[in-house]
Amino acid sequence: MAFGRRNDEEVKLEETKIWVCNSDNCKCWIRDNFKSTDVPLCPICKSEMSLTTKELQVIHNHSKNFM
């Protein structure tokens, strides 16, 4: 049975550039490689966003539409 099995694959973490919403009431953030413009607006509240870093699981964006 597969019910109690754990995923033996190691999760790779890496310091990643992210954009964080500047609004005090919003907790939204997006990865830099998933943004749609050079300086994105928050997709939730439309406030400005600031560039920072966070240790996250590695995810590659293979889309040709990202900046």
N, C-alpha and C. Protein backbone atom coordinates (compact mmCIF):
# COMPACT_ATOMS: atom_id res chain seq x y z
N MET A 1 0.84 -1.19 0.00
CA MET A 1 0.00 0.00 0.00
C MET A 1 0.88 1.24 0.00
N ALA A 2 0.36 2.30 -0.57
CA ALA A 2 1.12 3.54 -0.69
C ALA A 2 0.69 4.58 0.33
N PHE A 3 -0.21 4.24 1.24
CA PHE A 3 -0.77 5.25 2.13
C PHE A 3 0.25 5.85 3.10
N GLY A 4 1.10 5.11 3.69
CA GLY A 4 2.02 5.63 4.68
C GLY A 4 3.38 6.00 4.12
N ARG A 5 3.54 5.94 2.81
CA ARG A 5 4.85 6.18 2.21
C ARG A 5 5.22 7.64 2.23
N ARG A 6 6.48 7.87 2.51
CA ARG A 6 7.01 9.23 2.47
C ARG A 6 7.76 9.44 1.17
N ASN A 7 7.79 10.66 0.72
CA ASN A 7 8.56 10.99 -0.47
C ASN A 7 10.03 11.05 -0.07
N ASP A 8 10.84 10.14 -0.62
CA ASP A 8 12.25 10.06 -0.27
C ASP A 8 13.10 11.09 -1.01
N GLU A 9 12.51 11.78 -1.99
CA GLU A 9 13.25 12.78 -2.76
C GLU A 9 13.51 14.01 -1.90
N GLU A 10 14.75 14.47 -1.89
CA GLU A 10 15.14 15.63 -1.08
C GLU A 10 14.60 16.92 -1.71
N VAL A 11 14.07 17.79 -0.86
CA VAL A 11 13.58 19.09 -1.31
C VAL A 11 14.76 20.04 -1.36
N LYS A 12 15.00 20.63 -2.54
CA LYS A 12 16.13 21.55 -2.69
C LYS A 12 15.66 22.97 -2.42
N LEU A 13 16.30 23.62 -1.45
CA LEU A 13 15.98 25.01 -1.12
C LEU A 13 17.10 25.90 -1.63
N GLU A 14 16.72 27.11 -2.01
CA GLU A 14 17.69 28.05 -2.56
C GLU A 14 17.22 29.47 -2.27
N GLU A 15 18.15 30.38 -2.04
CA GLU A 15 17.84 31.79 -1.85
C GLU A 15 17.27 32.31 -3.17
N THR A 16 16.02 32.76 -3.14
CA THR A 16 15.28 33.13 -4.35
C THR A 16 14.82 34.58 -4.27
N LYS A 17 14.94 35.31 -5.39
CA LYS A 17 14.43 36.68 -5.45
C LYS A 17 12.91 36.64 -5.54
N ILE A 18 12.26 37.43 -4.68
CA ILE A 18 10.80 37.52 -4.71
C ILE A 18 10.38 38.98 -4.63
N TRP A 19 9.15 39.25 -5.04
CA TRP A 19 8.53 40.57 -4.93
C TRP A 19 7.46 40.49 -3.86
N VAL A 20 7.51 41.40 -2.88
CA VAL A 20 6.59 41.41 -1.75
C VAL A 20 5.74 42.66 -1.82
N CYS A 21 4.45 42.51 -1.56
CA CYS A 21 3.52 43.65 -1.58
C CYS A 21 3.88 44.62 -0.46
N ASN A 22 3.84 45.92 -0.76
CA ASN A 22 4.16 46.96 0.22
C ASN A 22 2.99 47.31 1.13
N SER A 23 1.80 46.87 0.82
CA SER A 23 0.62 47.17 1.63
C SER A 23 0.67 46.42 2.96
N ASP A 24 0.30 47.11 4.04
CA ASP A 24 0.27 46.47 5.37
C ASP A 24 -0.83 45.43 5.49
N ASN A 25 -1.87 45.55 4.68
CA ASN A 25 -3.03 44.65 4.76
C ASN A 25 -2.93 43.45 3.82
N CYS A 26 -1.88 43.36 3.05
CA CYS A 26 -1.76 42.29 2.04
C CYS A 26 -0.48 41.49 2.31
N LYS A 27 -0.55 40.19 2.16
CA LYS A 27 0.59 39.31 2.38
C LYS A 27 1.07 38.64 1.09
N CYS A 28 0.69 39.19 -0.03
CA CYS A 28 0.99 38.60 -1.33
C CYS A 28 2.48 38.73 -1.67
N TRP A 29 3.03 37.71 -2.33
CA TRP A 29 4.38 37.76 -2.88
C TRP A 29 4.43 36.87 -4.11
N ILE A 30 5.36 37.18 -5.02
CA ILE A 30 5.55 36.37 -6.22
C ILE A 30 7.05 36.19 -6.47
N ARG A 31 7.39 35.07 -7.06
CA ARG A 31 8.79 34.82 -7.42
C ARG A 31 9.18 35.74 -8.57
N ASP A 32 10.44 36.16 -8.57
CA ASP A 32 10.93 37.06 -9.61
C ASP A 32 10.82 36.42 -10.99
N ASN A 33 11.06 35.12 -11.11
CA ASN A 33 11.01 34.49 -12.43
C ASN A 33 9.57 34.18 -12.89
N PHE A 34 8.57 34.56 -12.11
CA PHE A 34 7.17 34.39 -12.50
C PHE A 34 6.45 35.73 -12.66
N LYS A 35 7.17 36.85 -12.58
CA LYS A 35 6.54 38.16 -12.72
C LYS A 35 6.18 38.41 -14.18
N SER A 36 5.22 39.30 -14.41
CA SER A 36 4.77 39.58 -15.77
C SER A 36 5.32 40.89 -16.32
N THR A 37 5.85 41.76 -15.46
CA THR A 37 6.46 43.02 -15.89
C THR A 37 7.76 43.23 -15.12
N ASP A 38 8.54 44.23 -15.54
CA ASP A 38 9.81 44.49 -14.86
C ASP A 38 9.62 44.82 -13.39
N VAL A 39 8.66 45.70 -13.09
CA VAL A 39 8.32 46.04 -11.70
C VAL A 39 6.83 45.75 -11.54
N PRO A 40 6.49 44.60 -10.99
CA PRO A 40 5.08 44.20 -10.94
C PRO A 40 4.27 44.96 -9.89
N LEU A 41 2.96 45.03 -10.13
CA LEU A 41 2.01 45.49 -9.13
C LEU A 41 1.43 44.25 -8.48
N CYS A 42 1.00 44.38 -7.25
CA CYS A 42 0.43 43.25 -6.52
C CYS A 42 -0.81 42.73 -7.28
N PRO A 43 -0.86 41.44 -7.57
CA PRO A 43 -2.02 40.90 -8.28
C PRO A 43 -3.29 40.89 -7.42
N ILE A 44 -3.16 41.02 -6.11
CA ILE A 44 -4.31 41.00 -5.21
C ILE A 44 -4.87 42.40 -4.98
N CYS A 45 -4.02 43.34 -4.53
CA CYS A 45 -4.53 44.66 -4.15
C CYS A 45 -4.02 45.80 -5.05
N LYS A 46 -3.20 45.48 -6.04
CA LYS A 46 -2.67 46.45 -7.01
C LYS A 46 -1.73 47.48 -6.40
N SER A 47 -1.14 47.22 -5.23
CA SER A 47 -0.15 48.11 -4.61
C SER A 47 1.22 47.85 -5.24
N GLU A 48 2.15 48.75 -4.96
CA GLU A 48 3.52 48.54 -5.43
C GLU A 48 4.15 47.38 -4.67
N MET A 49 5.19 46.80 -5.28
CA MET A 49 5.89 45.68 -4.66
C MET A 49 7.38 45.98 -4.58
N SER A 50 8.06 45.34 -3.61
CA SER A 50 9.49 45.53 -3.40
C SER A 50 10.23 44.22 -3.59
N LEU A 51 11.42 44.31 -4.13
CA LEU A 51 12.25 43.13 -4.37
C LEU A 51 12.99 42.75 -3.08
N THR A 52 12.98 41.47 -2.75
CA THR A 52 13.68 40.94 -1.58
C THR A 52 14.04 39.48 -1.87
N THR A 53 14.53 38.76 -0.89
CA THR A 53 14.87 37.34 -1.08
C THR A 53 14.22 36.49 0.00
N LYS A 54 14.07 35.21 -0.31
CA LYS A 54 13.48 34.25 0.62
C LYS A 54 14.01 32.87 0.25
N GLU A 55 14.23 32.01 1.23
CA GLU A 55 14.68 30.66 0.94
C GLU A 55 13.47 29.80 0.61
N LEU A 56 13.41 29.34 -0.65
CA LEU A 56 12.26 28.60 -1.16
C LEU A 56 12.69 27.36 -1.91
N GLN A 57 11.73 26.47 -2.12
CA GLN A 57 11.96 25.29 -2.93
C GLN A 57 12.22 25.73 -4.36
N VAL A 58 13.15 25.07 -5.03
CA VAL A 58 13.52 25.42 -6.40
C VAL A 58 12.38 25.03 -7.35
N ILE A 59 11.92 26.01 -8.13
CA ILE A 59 10.91 25.79 -9.17
C ILE A 59 11.38 26.54 -10.40
N HIS A 60 11.43 25.87 -11.54
CA HIS A 60 11.88 26.51 -12.78
C HIS A 60 10.67 26.89 -13.62
N ASN A 61 10.70 28.10 -14.17
CA ASN A 61 9.64 28.57 -15.06
C ASN A 61 10.15 28.40 -16.49
N HIS A 62 9.56 27.47 -17.20
CA HIS A 62 10.00 27.17 -18.56
C HIS A 62 9.19 27.93 -19.61
N SER A 63 8.29 28.80 -19.16
CA SER A 63 7.47 29.58 -20.09
C SER A 63 8.33 30.60 -20.81
N LYS A 64 8.04 30.80 -22.06
CA LYS A 64 8.78 31.79 -22.86
C LYS A 64 8.16 33.17 -22.70
N ASN A 65 7.07 33.31 -21.95
CA ASN A 65 6.37 34.59 -21.80
C ASN A 65 6.85 35.42 -20.64
N PHE A 66 7.68 34.87 -19.74
CA PHE A 66 8.11 35.65 -18.59
C PHE A 66 9.29 36.54 -18.95
N MET A 67 9.51 37.57 -18.16
CA MET A 67 10.53 38.59 -18.45
C MET A 67 11.91 38.10 -18.06
